[in-house]
Amino acid sequence: MPEVYDVVVIGAGVVGTAVARLLSHHHLEVALLDAAPDIGAGTSKANTAILHTGFDATPGSLESRLVARGYALLNDYAPTVGIAIEPIGALLVAWDDEQAASLNTSAEKAVANGYRSASLI
């Protein structure tokens, strides 16, 4: 290990490891530090696996741009490391009248955010 690092990334969660990975592609000595004994130990390792549906983020917001960009990046990266991606989508269920009334808005947000497979059933 080098005695001097160009960059030290603090936190080995999802963001920290992604930043360290990107920096490692440059001519930099990168260290990744975390208080936990393993990478991602404080990160949810059991998410819903929904990559991008666009129904939640406000169109044009930083969140909507980052969700779409993350989706594109993962779709490019996953095949290079053997991660299988199955585009199965998501199902939103309305449990009451208020939630049912918001389904059209959610579908419109999805389309505005670039997700073209949203439909109401």
Protein backbone atom coordinates (compact mmCIF):
# COMPACT_ATOMS: atom_id res chain seq x y z
CA MET A 1 0.00 0.00 0.00
CA PRO A 2 1.23 3.48 -0.76
CA GLU A 3 2.29 5.70 2.12
CA VAL A 4 0.58 8.71 0.57
CA TYR A 5 -2.81 8.85 -1.10
CA ASP A 6 -4.07 11.43 -3.56
CA VAL A 7 -7.64 10.96 -2.37
CA VAL A 8 -9.18 9.45 0.74
CA VAL A 9 -12.88 8.61 0.52
CA ILE A 10 -14.57 8.40 3.91
CA GLY A 11 -17.48 5.97 3.99
CA ALA A 12 -17.70 2.64 2.17
CA GLY A 13 -21.41 2.70 1.50
CA VAL A 14 -23.04 2.95 -1.89
CA VAL A 15 -21.86 6.50 -2.63
CA GLY A 16 -18.39 6.14 -1.14
CA THR A 17 -17.59 2.96 -3.03
CA ALA A 18 -18.95 4.44 -6.27
CA VAL A 19 -16.80 7.55 -5.85
CA ALA A 20 -13.71 5.48 -5.02
CA ARG A 21 -14.34 3.26 -8.04
CA LEU A 22 -14.62 6.22 -10.40
CA LEU A 23 -11.50 7.87 -8.97
CA SER A 24 -9.56 4.62 -9.32
CA HIS A 25 -9.88 4.91 -13.10
CA HIS A 26 -7.59 7.95 -13.00
CA HIS A 27 -3.91 8.08 -12.14
CA LEU A 28 -4.64 8.49 -8.44
CA GLU A 29 -3.82 6.56 -5.31
CA VAL A 30 -7.24 6.13 -3.67
CA ALA A 31 -7.97 4.96 -0.13
CA LEU A 32 -11.47 3.98 1.02
CA LEU A 33 -12.06 4.16 4.77
CA ASP A 34 -15.05 3.09 6.82
CA ALA A 35 -15.73 2.54 10.50
CA ALA A 36 -17.36 -0.82 9.77
CA PRO A 37 -15.32 -3.99 9.17
CA ASP A 38 -16.76 -4.57 5.69
CA ILE A 39 -17.67 -2.53 2.64
CA GLY A 40 -21.36 -1.69 2.56
CA ALA A 41 -21.96 -2.93 6.10
CA GLY A 42 -24.13 0.09 6.92
CA THR A 43 -25.88 0.05 3.56
CA SER A 44 -29.20 -1.53 2.76
CA LYS A 45 -28.30 -4.71 0.92
CA ALA A 46 -31.91 -5.72 0.36
CA ASN A 47 -33.51 -2.93 -1.62
CA THR A 48 -36.48 -3.29 -3.93
CA ALA A 49 -34.19 -3.55 -6.97
CA ILE A 50 -36.23 -0.94 -8.84
CA LEU A 51 -33.74 0.87 -11.03
CA HIS A 52 -35.83 3.64 -12.58
CA THR A 53 -39.54 4.13 -12.87
CA GLY A 54 -39.66 7.90 -12.56
CA PHE A 55 -42.99 7.97 -10.73
CA ASP A 56 -41.67 9.49 -7.53
CA ALA A 57 -39.25 12.27 -8.51
CA THR A 58 -40.38 15.75 -9.52
CA PRO A 59 -39.77 16.15 -13.28
CA GLY A 60 -36.75 18.33 -14.01
CA SER A 61 -35.41 18.02 -10.46
CA LEU A 62 -31.88 16.99 -9.55
CA GLU A 63 -33.31 13.74 -8.17
CA SER A 64 -35.05 12.88 -11.45
CA ARG A 65 -31.87 13.58 -13.44
CA LEU A 66 -29.73 11.50 -11.08
CA VAL A 67 -32.16 8.57 -11.06
CA ALA A 68 -32.19 8.49 -14.87
CA ARG A 69 -28.39 8.87 -15.05
CA GLY A 70 -27.86 6.12 -12.47
CA TYR A 71 -30.13 3.83 -14.48
CA ALA A 72 -28.13 4.47 -17.64
CA LEU A 73 -24.79 4.00 -15.86
CA LEU A 74 -25.86 0.73 -14.24
CA ASN A 75 -27.20 -0.62 -17.53
CA ASP A 76 -23.81 0.07 -19.11
CA TYR A 77 -21.79 -1.26 -16.16
CA ALA A 78 -23.73 -4.37 -15.11
CA PRO A 79 -22.96 -6.56 -18.13
CA THR A 80 -19.23 -5.85 -17.79
CA VAL A 81 -19.15 -7.45 -14.32
CA GLY A 82 -21.79 -10.15 -14.71
CA ILE A 83 -24.70 -8.46 -12.98
CA ALA A 84 -28.01 -9.58 -14.46
CA ILE A 85 -30.64 -6.92 -15.01
CA GLU A 86 -34.22 -7.96 -15.64
CA PRO A 87 -36.45 -5.00 -16.59
CA ILE A 88 -39.63 -6.11 -14.86
CA GLY A 89 -40.89 -2.70 -13.73
CA ALA A 90 -42.83 -1.88 -10.61
CA LEU A 91 -46.39 -2.17 -9.40
CA LEU A 92 -47.96 0.61 -7.35
CA VAL A 93 -51.05 -0.42 -5.44
CA ALA A 94 -53.56 2.13 -4.16
CA TRP A 95 -54.88 1.12 -0.76
CA ASP A 96 -57.44 3.91 -0.43
CA ASP A 97 -59.26 6.57 -2.48
CA GLU A 98 -56.60 9.22 -1.83
CA GLN A 99 -53.85 6.96 -3.17
CA ALA A 100 -56.01 5.95 -6.13
CA ALA A 101 -56.51 9.61 -6.99
CA SER A 102 -52.74 10.13 -7.14
CA LEU A 103 -52.03 7.26 -9.57
CA ASN A 104 -52.58 9.42 -12.68
CA THR A 105 -50.11 11.98 -11.36
CA SER A 106 -47.57 9.24 -10.66
CA ALA A 107 -47.93 7.88 -14.21
CA GLU A 108 -47.56 11.39 -15.65
CA LYS A 109 -44.40 11.96 -13.58
CA ALA A 110 -42.95 8.68 -14.84
CA VAL A 111 -43.47 9.71 -18.48
CA ALA A 112 -42.11 13.22 -17.82
CA ASN A 113 -39.02 11.61 -16.27
CA GLY A 114 -38.37 9.44 -19.32
CA TYR A 115 -39.99 6.18 -18.21
CA ARG A 116 -42.23 5.18 -21.09
CA SER A 117 -43.61 1.88 -19.77
CA ALA A 118 -45.96 3.27 -17.11
CA SER A 119 -49.59 2.26 -17.41
CA LEU A 120 -52.65 2.19 -15.19
CA ILE A 121 -54.45 -1.12 -14.70
